[in-house]
Amino acid sequence: MILRIIFLVAGIAAIAFPIINIVISWSNDKTFNPSDGSSIAAGIVALASTYMGVSKEKNSVRHDRDIFAKFLSDFPHNPSIQLLKDHDFGGDYYSSELRHFFAFVREWDRPELEFLDKRIEKKRKALYASAHGLYEDFMRETIPNDRNPEMSTVYPWNQRGGQRPEWVKQSAATLNASARKFAPQYDEFVRYARKRLSMEA
């Protein structure tokens, strides 16, 4: 941004001062200094470079805004993130509530869904890596509920009755810790991307 301002000011100055000098020289003795023409040409180049830089940046921001809108559409806060924040995974849960989370892990490791802004993209990659780790925890620690196929659980029905086994408690603790770690990362990414794209507008 600062560099663009410098180029803009330099371009205007490189055009304005020689034009003033040409007007004064022509009105006094009808002469023209070729160096004035060179300065004007340099100024035009500086202004053109500034314009092209702004145009390129606008296209970049537009692309990233489109990608961010798709992210919010593909992976909204509810119900996945709310479940990850609030649910105790020692209990059963509806698998459909994590459908957006699972879709994010399946789909968002593609190059066409990368942000052009390097800072946002770095955070997106970190978010994806955390999501993939949590996804692996779910795949390892949970199974479909025998009594209700729409639900998943860490506690198989054929094992229920009596005191809950330690391995079931550990599975629940693993999921709870991973879920509570990931959910704030999602919120932080959304806030950061929204603020940065707004600032770049």
N, C-alpha and C. Protein backbone atom coordinates (compact mmCIF):
# COMPACT_ATOMS: atom_id res chain seq x y z
N MET A 1 0.83 -1.20 0.00
CA MET A 1 0.00 0.00 0.00
C MET A 1 0.87 1.26 0.00
N ILE A 2 1.88 1.31 0.90
CA ILE A 2 2.77 2.46 0.98
C ILE A 2 3.55 2.63 -0.32
N LEU A 3 4.01 1.48 -0.86
CA LEU A 3 4.77 1.53 -2.12
C LEU A 3 3.91 2.09 -3.25
N ARG A 4 2.63 1.71 -3.28
CA ARG A 4 1.74 2.23 -4.31
C ARG A 4 1.58 3.74 -4.19
N ILE A 5 1.46 4.24 -2.97
CA ILE A 5 1.31 5.68 -2.74
C ILE A 5 2.55 6.42 -3.23
N ILE A 6 3.72 5.84 -2.93
CA ILE A 6 4.98 6.47 -3.37
C ILE A 6 5.02 6.55 -4.90
N PHE A 7 4.67 5.44 -5.58
CA PHE A 7 4.66 5.43 -7.05
C PHE A 7 3.64 6.44 -7.59
N LEU A 8 2.49 6.53 -6.92
CA LEU A 8 1.44 7.45 -7.37
C LEU A 8 1.91 8.90 -7.27
N VAL A 9 2.47 9.24 -6.12
CA VAL A 9 2.95 10.61 -5.91
C VAL A 9 4.09 10.93 -6.87
N ALA A 10 5.02 9.97 -7.02
CA ALA A 10 6.15 10.18 -7.92
C ALA A 10 5.66 10.35 -9.36
N GLY A 11 4.68 9.55 -9.75
CA GLY A 11 4.15 9.65 -11.11
C GLY A 11 3.49 10.99 -11.37
N ILE A 12 2.69 11.45 -10.42
CA ILE A 12 2.03 12.75 -10.57
C ILE A 12 3.05 13.88 -10.63
N ALA A 13 4.06 13.79 -9.73
CA ALA A 13 5.10 14.83 -9.71
C ALA A 13 5.90 14.83 -11.01
N ALA A 14 6.20 13.60 -11.51
CA ALA A 14 7.00 13.49 -12.73
C ALA A 14 6.26 14.04 -13.94
N ILE A 15 4.94 14.10 -13.86
CA ILE A 15 4.16 14.65 -14.97
C ILE A 15 3.90 16.14 -14.77
N ALA A 16 3.53 16.50 -13.53
CA ALA A 16 3.08 17.88 -13.26
C ALA A 16 4.21 18.90 -13.42
N PHE A 17 5.35 18.63 -12.80
CA PHE A 17 6.43 19.63 -12.82
C PHE A 17 6.97 19.89 -14.23
N PRO A 18 7.23 18.84 -15.03
CA PRO A 18 7.68 19.12 -16.41
C PRO A 18 6.64 19.87 -17.23
N ILE A 19 5.35 19.58 -17.02
CA ILE A 19 4.32 20.30 -17.77
C ILE A 19 4.34 21.78 -17.41
N ILE A 20 4.48 22.06 -16.11
CA ILE A 20 4.58 23.47 -15.68
C ILE A 20 5.80 24.13 -16.30
N ASN A 21 6.92 23.39 -16.31
CA ASN A 21 8.15 23.93 -16.88
C ASN A 21 8.00 24.18 -18.38
N ILE A 22 7.30 23.23 -19.08
CA ILE A 22 7.08 23.41 -20.52
C ILE A 22 6.23 24.64 -20.79
N VAL A 23 5.17 24.81 -20.01
CA VAL A 23 4.29 25.97 -20.19
C VAL A 23 5.05 27.27 -19.99
N ILE A 24 5.87 27.30 -18.92
CA ILE A 24 6.64 28.53 -18.65
C ILE A 24 7.65 28.79 -19.76
N SER A 25 8.40 27.73 -20.16
CA SER A 25 9.41 27.90 -21.21
C SER A 25 8.78 28.32 -22.53
N TRP A 26 7.66 27.71 -22.87
CA TRP A 26 7.02 28.02 -24.15
C TRP A 26 6.45 29.44 -24.15
N SER A 27 5.93 29.85 -23.02
CA SER A 27 5.37 31.21 -22.97
C SER A 27 6.46 32.27 -22.98
N ASN A 28 7.65 31.91 -22.49
CA ASN A 28 8.74 32.89 -22.43
C ASN A 28 9.53 32.97 -23.74
N ASP A 29 10.05 31.81 -24.19
CA ASP A 29 10.92 31.87 -25.38
C ASP A 29 10.61 30.80 -26.41
N LYS A 30 9.42 30.20 -26.29
CA LYS A 30 8.97 29.21 -27.29
C LYS A 30 9.95 28.05 -27.44
N THR A 31 10.52 27.59 -26.34
CA THR A 31 11.46 26.45 -26.40
C THR A 31 10.85 25.24 -25.69
N PHE A 32 11.44 24.08 -26.03
CA PHE A 32 10.97 22.84 -25.41
C PHE A 32 12.19 22.00 -25.04
N ASN A 33 12.28 21.60 -23.77
CA ASN A 33 13.39 20.80 -23.28
C ASN A 33 13.03 19.32 -23.39
N PRO A 34 13.78 18.52 -24.17
CA PRO A 34 13.45 17.09 -24.32
C PRO A 34 13.41 16.32 -23.00
N SER A 35 14.20 16.78 -22.03
CA SER A 35 14.21 16.08 -20.74
C SER A 35 12.85 16.17 -20.05
N ASP A 36 12.12 17.27 -20.34
CA ASP A 36 10.78 17.39 -19.77
C ASP A 36 9.86 16.31 -20.32
N GLY A 37 10.01 16.04 -21.62
CA GLY A 37 9.21 14.98 -22.23
C GLY A 37 9.55 13.62 -21.63
N SER A 38 10.83 13.38 -21.36
CA SER A 38 11.24 12.12 -20.75
C SER A 38 10.65 11.98 -19.35
N SER A 39 10.62 13.06 -18.61
CA SER A 39 10.06 13.03 -17.25
C SER A 39 8.57 12.71 -17.30
N ILE A 40 7.88 13.31 -18.26
CA ILE A 40 6.44 13.05 -18.40
C ILE A 40 6.20 11.58 -18.73
N ALA A 41 7.03 11.04 -19.64
CA ALA A 41 6.89 9.63 -20.00
C ALA A 41 7.13 8.72 -18.79
N ALA A 42 8.13 9.07 -17.99
CA ALA A 42 8.41 8.28 -16.78
C ALA A 42 7.24 8.36 -15.81
N GLY A 43 6.65 9.53 -15.70
CA GLY A 43 5.49 9.69 -14.83
C GLY A 43 4.32 8.85 -15.28
N ILE A 44 4.10 8.83 -16.59
CA ILE A 44 3.00 8.02 -17.13
C ILE A 44 3.23 6.54 -16.84
N VAL A 45 4.49 6.09 -16.98
CA VAL A 45 4.82 4.70 -16.68
C VAL A 45 4.56 4.39 -15.20
N ALA A 46 4.93 5.32 -14.32
CA ALA A 46 4.72 5.11 -12.88
C ALA A 46 3.24 5.01 -12.56
N LEU A 47 2.43 5.90 -13.17
CA LEU A 47 0.99 5.87 -12.93
C LEU A 47 0.37 4.59 -13.48
N ALA A 48 0.83 4.16 -14.67
CA ALA A 48 0.31 2.93 -15.26
C ALA A 48 0.64 1.72 -14.39
N SER A 49 1.87 1.72 -13.85
CA SER A 49 2.27 0.61 -12.98
C SER A 49 1.42 0.57 -11.72
N THR A 50 1.16 1.74 -11.18
CA THR A 50 0.31 1.83 -9.98
C THR A 50 -1.08 1.31 -10.27
N TYR A 51 -1.65 1.73 -11.41
CA TYR A 51 -3.00 1.30 -11.79
C TYR A 51 -3.06 -0.21 -11.97
N MET A 52 -2.05 -0.76 -12.64
CA MET A 52 -2.05 -2.20 -12.89
C MET A 52 -1.90 -2.97 -11.58
N GLY A 53 -1.11 -2.42 -10.64
CA GLY A 53 -0.95 -3.08 -9.34
C GLY A 53 -2.25 -3.09 -8.56
N VAL A 54 -2.97 -1.96 -8.59
CA VAL A 54 -4.26 -1.88 -7.90
C VAL A 54 -5.25 -2.84 -8.53
N SER A 55 -5.28 -2.88 -9.86
CA SER A 55 -6.21 -3.77 -10.56
C SER A 55 -5.93 -5.24 -10.22
N LYS A 56 -4.66 -5.60 -10.18
CA LYS A 56 -4.28 -6.98 -9.84
C LYS A 56 -4.68 -7.31 -8.42
N GLU A 57 -4.47 -6.37 -7.51
CA GLU A 57 -4.83 -6.61 -6.11
C GLU A 57 -6.33 -6.76 -5.95
N LYS A 58 -7.10 -5.95 -6.68
CA LYS A 58 -8.56 -6.06 -6.59
C LYS A 58 -9.03 -7.42 -7.07
N ASN A 59 -8.43 -7.93 -8.14
CA ASN A 59 -8.79 -9.26 -8.63
C ASN A 59 -8.44 -10.33 -7.60
N SER A 60 -7.30 -10.16 -6.92
CA SER A 60 -6.88 -11.10 -5.90
C SER A 60 -7.86 -11.11 -4.72
N VAL A 61 -8.24 -9.92 -4.28
CA VAL A 61 -9.18 -9.81 -3.17
C VAL A 61 -10.54 -10.40 -3.55
N ARG A 62 -10.97 -10.14 -4.78
CA ARG A 62 -12.25 -10.67 -5.24
C ARG A 62 -12.22 -12.21 -5.23
N HIS A 63 -11.12 -12.77 -5.71
CA HIS A 63 -10.97 -14.23 -5.69
C HIS A 63 -11.05 -14.77 -4.26
N ASP A 64 -10.31 -14.14 -3.34
CA ASP A 64 -10.28 -14.62 -1.97
C ASP A 64 -11.63 -14.44 -1.27
N ARG A 65 -12.34 -13.39 -1.60
CA ARG A 65 -13.68 -13.22 -1.03
C ARG A 65 -14.62 -14.32 -1.52
N ASP A 66 -14.49 -14.70 -2.78
CA ASP A 66 -15.32 -15.78 -3.31
C ASP A 66 -15.00 -17.10 -2.61
N ILE A 67 -13.69 -17.35 -2.41
CA ILE A 67 -13.29 -18.58 -1.73
C ILE A 67 -13.77 -18.58 -0.28
N PHE A 68 -13.70 -17.44 0.37
CA PHE A 68 -14.15 -17.35 1.76
C PHE A 68 -15.66 -17.55 1.86
N ALA A 69 -16.39 -16.99 0.91
CA ALA A 69 -17.85 -17.20 0.89
C ALA A 69 -18.17 -18.69 0.72
N LYS A 70 -17.43 -19.36 -0.13
CA LYS A 70 -17.63 -20.80 -0.33
C LYS A 70 -17.29 -21.56 0.95
N PHE A 71 -16.22 -21.15 1.61
CA PHE A 71 -15.84 -21.79 2.88
C PHE A 71 -16.98 -21.70 3.89
N LEU A 72 -17.54 -20.50 4.04
CA LEU A 72 -18.63 -20.32 5.00
C LEU A 72 -19.87 -21.10 4.60
N SER A 73 -20.10 -21.24 3.31
CA SER A 73 -21.24 -22.02 2.84
C SER A 73 -21.01 -23.52 3.04
N ASP A 74 -19.80 -23.98 2.74
CA ASP A 74 -19.49 -25.41 2.87
C ASP A 74 -19.33 -25.84 4.33
N PHE A 75 -18.85 -24.92 5.16
CA PHE A 75 -18.50 -25.27 6.54
C PHE A 75 -19.02 -24.20 7.50
N PRO A 76 -20.34 -24.09 7.64
CA PRO A 76 -20.90 -23.10 8.55
C PRO A 76 -20.65 -23.49 10.02
N HIS A 77 -20.84 -22.54 10.89
CA HIS A 77 -20.61 -22.77 12.32
C HIS A 77 -21.53 -23.86 12.86
N ASN A 78 -22.79 -23.77 12.50
CA ASN A 78 -23.77 -24.76 12.96
C ASN A 78 -24.08 -25.77 11.87
N PRO A 79 -24.23 -27.04 12.22
CA PRO A 79 -24.18 -27.58 13.58
C PRO A 79 -22.82 -28.10 14.02
N SER A 80 -21.87 -28.25 13.09
CA SER A 80 -20.63 -28.97 13.41
C SER A 80 -19.83 -28.33 14.53
N ILE A 81 -19.52 -27.04 14.38
CA ILE A 81 -18.66 -26.39 15.37
C ILE A 81 -19.35 -26.31 16.72
N GLN A 82 -20.66 -26.03 16.72
CA GLN A 82 -21.39 -25.97 17.98
C GLN A 82 -21.34 -27.31 18.71
N LEU A 83 -21.47 -28.40 17.94
CA LEU A 83 -21.38 -29.73 18.54
C LEU A 83 -19.98 -29.96 19.13
N LEU A 84 -18.95 -29.58 18.39
CA LEU A 84 -17.58 -29.77 18.86
C LEU A 84 -17.30 -28.95 20.11
N LYS A 85 -17.96 -27.83 20.25
CA LYS A 85 -17.77 -26.98 21.43
C LYS A 85 -18.48 -27.53 22.66
N ASP A 86 -19.68 -28.07 22.45
CA ASP A 86 -20.57 -28.33 23.59
C ASP A 86 -20.74 -29.79 23.97
N HIS A 87 -20.58 -30.70 23.02
CA HIS A 87 -20.99 -32.08 23.29
C HIS A 87 -19.93 -32.85 24.07
N ASP A 88 -20.37 -33.66 25.00
CA ASP A 88 -19.49 -34.61 25.68
C ASP A 88 -19.52 -35.90 24.87
N PHE A 89 -18.41 -36.23 24.24
CA PHE A 89 -18.38 -37.38 23.35
C PHE A 89 -18.33 -38.72 24.08
N GLY A 90 -18.50 -38.67 25.39
CA GLY A 90 -18.78 -39.89 26.11
C GLY A 90 -20.19 -40.38 25.82
N GLY A 91 -21.03 -39.47 25.31
CA GLY A 91 -22.40 -39.81 24.93
C GLY A 91 -22.54 -39.92 23.43
N ASP A 92 -23.63 -40.53 22.99
CA ASP A 92 -23.89 -40.69 21.57
C ASP A 92 -24.20 -39.33 20.92
N TYR A 93 -24.00 -39.26 19.61
CA TYR A 93 -24.29 -38.02 18.89
C TYR A 93 -24.77 -38.37 17.48
N TYR A 94 -25.53 -37.44 16.90
CA TYR A 94 -26.01 -37.65 15.54
C TYR A 94 -24.88 -37.36 14.55
N SER A 95 -24.56 -38.35 13.73
CA SER A 95 -23.46 -38.22 12.77
C SER A 95 -23.70 -37.08 11.79
N SER A 96 -24.96 -36.81 11.46
CA SER A 96 -25.28 -35.76 10.49
C SER A 96 -24.84 -34.38 10.96
N GLU A 97 -24.69 -34.20 12.27
CA GLU A 97 -24.29 -32.90 12.79
C GLU A 97 -22.82 -32.59 12.47
N LEU A 98 -22.08 -33.58 12.07
CA LEU A 98 -20.68 -33.37 11.67
C LEU A 98 -20.49 -33.46 10.15
N ARG A 99 -21.59 -33.44 9.41
CA ARG A 99 -21.48 -33.63 7.95
C ARG A 99 -20.65 -32.53 7.30
N HIS A 100 -20.79 -31.27 7.75
CA HIS A 100 -20.01 -30.18 7.16
C HIS A 100 -18.53 -30.31 7.51
N PHE A 101 -18.28 -30.75 8.72
CA PHE A 101 -16.89 -30.96 9.14
C PHE A 101 -16.22 -32.03 8.28
N PHE A 102 -16.90 -33.16 8.11
CA PHE A 102 -16.33 -34.25 7.30
C PHE A 102 -16.17 -33.83 5.84
N ALA A 103 -17.12 -33.06 5.33
CA ALA A 103 -17.03 -32.58 3.95
C ALA A 103 -15.84 -31.64 3.78
N PHE A 104 -15.58 -30.81 4.79
CA PHE A 104 -14.42 -29.91 4.74
C PHE A 104 -13.13 -30.71 4.62
N VAL A 105 -13.01 -31.77 5.41
CA VAL A 105 -11.79 -32.59 5.36
C VAL A 105 -11.66 -33.28 4.00
N ARG A 106 -12.78 -33.72 3.44
CA ARG A 106 -12.73 -34.41 2.14
C ARG A 106 -12.40 -33.47 0.99
N GLU A 107 -12.93 -32.25 1.03
CA GLU A 107 -12.92 -31.39 -0.15
C GLU A 107 -11.89 -30.25 -0.14
N TRP A 108 -11.49 -29.78 1.04
CA TRP A 108 -10.76 -28.51 1.10
C TRP A 108 -9.24 -28.66 1.12
N ASP A 109 -8.75 -29.72 0.50
CA ASP A 109 -7.31 -29.86 0.32
C ASP A 109 -6.97 -29.81 -1.17
N ARG A 110 -7.76 -29.02 -1.92
CA ARG A 110 -7.58 -28.90 -3.36
C ARG A 110 -6.98 -27.53 -3.70
N PRO A 111 -6.11 -27.46 -4.71
CA PRO A 111 -5.44 -26.19 -5.04
C PRO A 111 -6.38 -25.08 -5.46
N GLU A 112 -7.52 -25.43 -6.09
CA GLU A 112 -8.42 -24.37 -6.54
C GLU A 112 -9.16 -23.71 -5.38
N LEU A 113 -9.02 -24.28 -4.19
CA LEU A 113 -9.67 -23.68 -3.02
C LEU A 113 -8.65 -22.97 -2.11
N GLU A 114 -7.49 -22.70 -2.65
CA GLU A 114 -6.48 -21.97 -1.89
C GLU A 114 -6.70 -20.47 -2.01
N PHE A 115 -6.36 -19.75 -0.95
CA PHE A 115 -6.42 -18.29 -0.96
C PHE A 115 -5.15 -17.74 -1.59
N LEU A 116 -5.27 -16.64 -2.30
CA LEU A 116 -4.10 -15.99 -2.89
C LEU A 116 -3.35 -15.18 -1.84
N ASP A 117 -4.07 -14.68 -0.85
CA ASP A 117 -3.43 -13.98 0.27
C ASP A 117 -2.64 -15.02 1.09
N LYS A 118 -1.33 -14.85 1.16
CA LYS A 118 -0.47 -15.86 1.78
C LYS A 118 -0.76 -16.03 3.26
N ARG A 119 -1.13 -14.95 3.94
CA ARG A 119 -1.40 -15.05 5.38
C ARG A 119 -2.68 -15.84 5.65
N ILE A 120 -3.71 -15.56 4.86
CA ILE A 120 -4.96 -16.31 5.03
C ILE A 120 -4.74 -17.77 4.67
N GLU A 121 -4.02 -18.01 3.58
CA GLU A 121 -3.79 -19.38 3.14
C GLU A 121 -2.99 -20.17 4.17
N LYS A 122 -2.04 -19.53 4.82
CA LYS A 122 -1.27 -20.21 5.87
C LYS A 122 -2.19 -20.66 7.00
N LYS A 123 -3.13 -19.80 7.38
CA LYS A 123 -4.07 -20.15 8.44
C LYS A 123 -5.07 -21.22 7.97
N ARG A 124 -5.45 -21.16 6.70
CA ARG A 124 -6.36 -22.19 6.18
C ARG A 124 -5.70 -23.56 6.22
N LYS A 125 -4.43 -23.61 5.84
CA LYS A 125 -3.70 -24.88 5.86
C LYS A 125 -3.58 -25.41 7.29
N ALA A 126 -3.33 -24.51 8.24
CA ALA A 126 -3.23 -24.93 9.64
C ALA A 126 -4.58 -25.45 10.14
N LEU A 127 -5.65 -24.77 9.74
CA LEU A 127 -6.99 -25.22 10.12
C LEU A 127 -7.28 -26.59 9.52
N TYR A 128 -6.92 -26.76 8.26
CA TYR A 128 -7.17 -28.05 7.60
C TYR A 128 -6.38 -29.17 8.29
N ALA A 129 -5.13 -28.89 8.63
CA ALA A 129 -4.31 -29.92 9.28
C ALA A 129 -4.93 -30.33 10.62
N SER A 130 -5.43 -29.36 11.38
CA SER A 130 -6.08 -29.67 12.65
C SER A 130 -7.37 -30.46 12.43
N ALA A 131 -8.13 -30.06 11.39
CA ALA A 131 -9.37 -30.76 11.08
C ALA A 131 -9.08 -32.21 10.70
N HIS A 132 -8.03 -32.42 9.93
CA HIS A 132 -7.69 -33.78 9.51
C HIS A 132 -7.30 -34.64 10.71
N GLY A 133 -6.58 -34.04 11.65
CA GLY A 133 -6.22 -34.78 12.86
C GLY A 133 -7.44 -35.17 13.67
N LEU A 134 -8.40 -34.23 13.80
CA LEU A 134 -9.63 -34.52 14.51
C LEU A 134 -10.45 -35.57 13.78
N TYR A 135 -10.48 -35.49 12.46
CA TYR A 135 -11.18 -36.48 11.64
C TYR A 135 -10.62 -37.89 11.91
N GLU A 136 -9.32 -38.00 11.98
CA GLU A 136 -8.71 -39.31 12.25
C GLU A 136 -9.09 -39.82 13.63
N ASP A 137 -9.20 -38.90 14.60
CA ASP A 137 -9.65 -39.30 15.94
C ASP A 137 -11.06 -39.88 15.89
N PHE A 138 -11.95 -39.23 15.14
CA PHE A 138 -13.32 -39.74 15.02
C PHE A 138 -13.33 -41.12 14.34
N MET A 139 -12.53 -41.27 13.30
CA MET A 139 -12.49 -42.55 12.60
C MET A 139 -11.95 -43.67 13.51
N ARG A 140 -11.04 -43.32 14.37
CA ARG A 140 -10.40 -44.31 15.23
C ARG A 140 -11.23 -44.62 16.48
N GLU A 141 -11.88 -43.61 17.03
CA GLU A 141 -12.50 -43.75 18.34
C GLU A 141 -14.00 -44.05 18.33
N THR A 142 -14.67 -43.85 17.20
CA THR A 142 -16.12 -44.01 17.19
C THR A 142 -16.58 -45.09 16.21
N ILE A 143 -17.79 -45.57 16.47
CA ILE A 143 -18.44 -46.55 15.59
C ILE A 143 -19.92 -46.18 15.49
N PRO A 144 -20.62 -46.69 14.47
CA PRO A 144 -22.07 -46.45 14.42
C PRO A 144 -22.77 -47.08 15.62
N ASN A 145 -23.82 -46.42 16.06
CA ASN A 145 -24.62 -46.94 17.17
C ASN A 145 -25.46 -48.13 16.69
N ASP A 146 -25.34 -49.27 17.37
CA ASP A 146 -26.07 -50.48 16.96
C ASP A 146 -27.58 -50.28 16.96
N ARG A 147 -28.09 -49.46 17.88
CA ARG A 147 -29.53 -49.30 18.04
C ARG A 147 -30.10 -48.19 17.18
N ASN A 148 -29.24 -47.30 16.71
CA ASN A 148 -29.69 -46.17 15.88
C ASN A 148 -28.59 -45.82 14.89
N PRO A 149 -28.70 -46.23 13.63
CA PRO A 149 -27.63 -46.01 12.64
C PRO A 149 -27.38 -44.55 12.32
N GLU A 150 -28.29 -43.66 12.73
CA GLU A 150 -28.06 -42.24 12.50
C GLU A 150 -27.12 -41.64 13.53
N MET A 151 -26.78 -42.42 14.54
CA MET A 151 -25.92 -41.92 15.61
C MET A 151 -24.59 -42.66 15.63
N SER A 152 -23.59 -42.02 16.22
CA SER A 152 -22.29 -42.65 16.42
C SER A 152 -21.96 -42.60 17.91
N THR A 153 -20.99 -43.42 18.31
CA THR A 153 -20.69 -43.53 19.73
C THR A 153 -19.28 -44.05 19.95
N VAL A 154 -18.75 -43.80 21.15
CA VAL A 154 -17.49 -44.41 21.57
C VAL A 154 -17.77 -45.68 22.38
N TYR A 155 -19.05 -45.94 22.64
CA TYR A 155 -19.43 -47.00 23.58
C TYR A 155 -20.36 -48.00 22.89
N PRO A 156 -19.84 -49.11 22.35
CA PRO A 156 -20.68 -50.09 21.66
C PRO A 156 -21.76 -50.65 22.58
N TRP A 157 -22.94 -50.87 22.02
CA TRP A 157 -24.05 -51.37 22.82
C TRP A 157 -23.75 -52.75 23.39
N ASN A 158 -23.04 -53.58 22.66
CA ASN A 158 -22.79 -54.93 23.17
C ASN A 158 -21.77 -54.94 24.32
N GLN A 159 -21.19 -53.76 24.61
CA GLN A 159 -20.25 -53.65 25.72
C GLN A 159 -20.90 -52.96 26.93
N ARG A 160 -22.13 -52.49 26.75
CA ARG A 160 -22.75 -51.69 27.81
C ARG A 160 -23.32 -52.57 28.92
N GLY A 161 -23.40 -51.95 30.08
CA GLY A 161 -23.86 -52.68 31.27
C GLY A 161 -22.73 -52.73 32.28
N GLY A 162 -23.02 -52.26 33.47
CA GLY A 162 -21.97 -52.22 34.48
C GLY A 162 -21.11 -50.97 34.33
N GLN A 163 -19.93 -51.02 34.90
CA GLN A 163 -19.03 -49.86 34.88
C GLN A 163 -18.45 -49.64 33.48
N ARG A 164 -18.38 -48.38 33.09
CA ARG A 164 -17.85 -48.03 31.78
C ARG A 164 -16.35 -48.36 31.72
N PRO A 165 -15.92 -49.10 30.67
CA PRO A 165 -14.50 -49.48 30.57
C PRO A 165 -13.59 -48.26 30.43
N GLU A 166 -12.36 -48.41 30.85
CA GLU A 166 -11.39 -47.32 30.79
C GLU A 166 -11.11 -46.90 29.35
N TRP A 167 -11.09 -47.87 28.44
CA TRP A 167 -10.79 -47.51 27.04
C TRP A 167 -11.89 -46.65 26.45
N VAL A 168 -13.14 -46.84 26.90
CA VAL A 168 -14.24 -45.99 26.44
C VAL A 168 -14.07 -44.58 27.00
N LYS A 169 -13.71 -44.49 28.28
CA LYS A 169 -13.46 -43.18 28.89
C LYS A 169 -12.32 -42.45 28.17
N GLN A 170 -11.28 -43.21 27.80
CA GLN A 170 -10.14 -42.61 27.11
C GLN A 170 -10.52 -42.13 25.72
N SER A 171 -11.35 -42.90 25.02
CA SER A 171 -11.80 -42.49 23.70
C SER A 171 -12.58 -41.18 23.78
N ALA A 172 -13.48 -41.10 24.77
CA ALA A 172 -14.26 -39.89 24.96
C ALA A 172 -13.36 -38.70 25.31
N ALA A 173 -12.39 -38.92 26.17
CA ALA A 173 -11.47 -37.85 26.56
C ALA A 173 -10.65 -37.36 25.37
N THR A 174 -10.22 -38.28 24.52
CA THR A 174 -9.45 -37.92 23.33
C THR A 174 -10.27 -37.03 22.40
N LEU A 175 -11.53 -37.44 22.15
CA LEU A 175 -12.39 -36.66 21.26
C LEU A 175 -12.73 -35.31 21.87
N ASN A 176 -13.03 -35.29 23.15
CA ASN A 176 -13.37 -34.02 23.80
C ASN A 176 -12.21 -33.03 23.72
N ALA A 177 -11.00 -33.51 23.97
CA ALA A 177 -9.82 -32.63 23.94
C ALA A 177 -9.57 -32.11 22.53
N SER A 178 -9.66 -32.99 21.53
CA SER A 178 -9.40 -32.59 20.15
C SER A 178 -10.48 -31.63 19.66
N ALA A 179 -11.74 -31.91 20.02
CA ALA A 179 -12.85 -31.06 19.58
C ALA A 179 -12.74 -29.67 20.19
N ARG A 180 -12.42 -29.60 21.49
CA ARG A 180 -12.31 -28.29 22.17
C ARG A 180 -11.12 -27.49 21.66
N LYS A 181 -10.12 -28.18 21.15
CA LYS A 181 -8.97 -27.49 20.57
C LYS A 181 -9.28 -26.96 19.18
N PHE A 182 -10.02 -27.74 18.39
CA PHE A 182 -10.28 -27.36 17.01
C PHE A 182 -11.30 -26.23 16.90
N ALA A 183 -12.37 -26.28 17.66
CA ALA A 183 -13.47 -25.31 17.51
C ALA A 183 -12.99 -23.86 17.60
N PRO A 184 -12.14 -23.49 18.57
CA PRO A 184 -11.66 -22.10 18.61
C PRO A 184 -10.78 -21.74 17.41
N GLN A 185 -10.08 -22.71 16.85
CA GLN A 185 -9.27 -22.45 15.65
C GLN A 185 -10.17 -22.05 14.48
N TYR A 186 -11.30 -22.72 14.37
CA TYR A 186 -12.27 -22.37 13.33
C TYR A 186 -12.73 -20.92 13.51
N ASP A 187 -13.14 -20.58 14.74
CA ASP A 187 -13.62 -19.22 15.01
C ASP A 187 -12.54 -18.19 14.71
N GLU A 188 -11.32 -18.49 15.11
CA GLU A 188 -10.21 -17.55 14.88
C GLU A 188 -9.97 -17.35 13.38
N PHE A 189 -10.02 -18.44 12.62
CA PHE A 189 -9.81 -18.33 11.18
C PHE A 189 -10.88 -17.47 10.53
N VAL A 190 -12.14 -17.70 10.88
CA VAL A 190 -13.24 -16.92 10.30
C VAL A 190 -13.07 -15.44 10.61
N ARG A 191 -12.77 -15.11 11.85
CA ARG A 191 -12.60 -13.70 12.23
C ARG A 191 -11.41 -13.08 11.49
N TYR A 192 -10.30 -13.82 11.42
CA TYR A 192 -9.10 -13.28 10.77
C TYR A 192 -9.34 -13.04 9.29
N ALA A 193 -9.90 -14.03 8.60
CA ALA A 193 -10.13 -13.89 7.16
C ALA A 193 -11.10 -12.76 6.86
N ARG A 194 -12.17 -12.67 7.64
CA ARG A 194 -13.16 -11.60 7.40
C ARG A 194 -12.50 -10.22 7.60
N LYS A 195 -11.71 -10.07 8.65
CA LYS A 195 -11.07 -8.78 8.93
C LYS A 195 -10.04 -8.45 7.85
N ARG A 196 -9.23 -9.43 7.47
CA ARG A 196 -8.18 -9.16 6.50
C ARG A 196 -8.76 -8.83 5.13
N LEU A 197 -9.76 -9.54 4.71
CA LEU A 197 -10.36 -9.26 3.40
C LEU A 197 -11.08 -7.92 3.41
N SER A 198 -11.62 -7.53 4.53
CA SER A 198 -12.24 -6.21 4.65
C SER A 198 -11.20 -5.12 4.59
N MET A 199 -10.06 -5.34 5.27
CA MET A 199 -8.98 -4.34 5.28
C MET A 199 -8.36 -4.18 3.90
N GLU A 200 -8.34 -5.23 3.10
CA GLU A 200 -7.71 -5.18 1.79
C GLU A 200 -8.63 -4.60 0.73
N ALA A 201 -9.90 -4.36 1.09
CA ALA A 201 -10.87 -3.88 0.10
C ALA A 201 -10.48 -2.52 -0.46
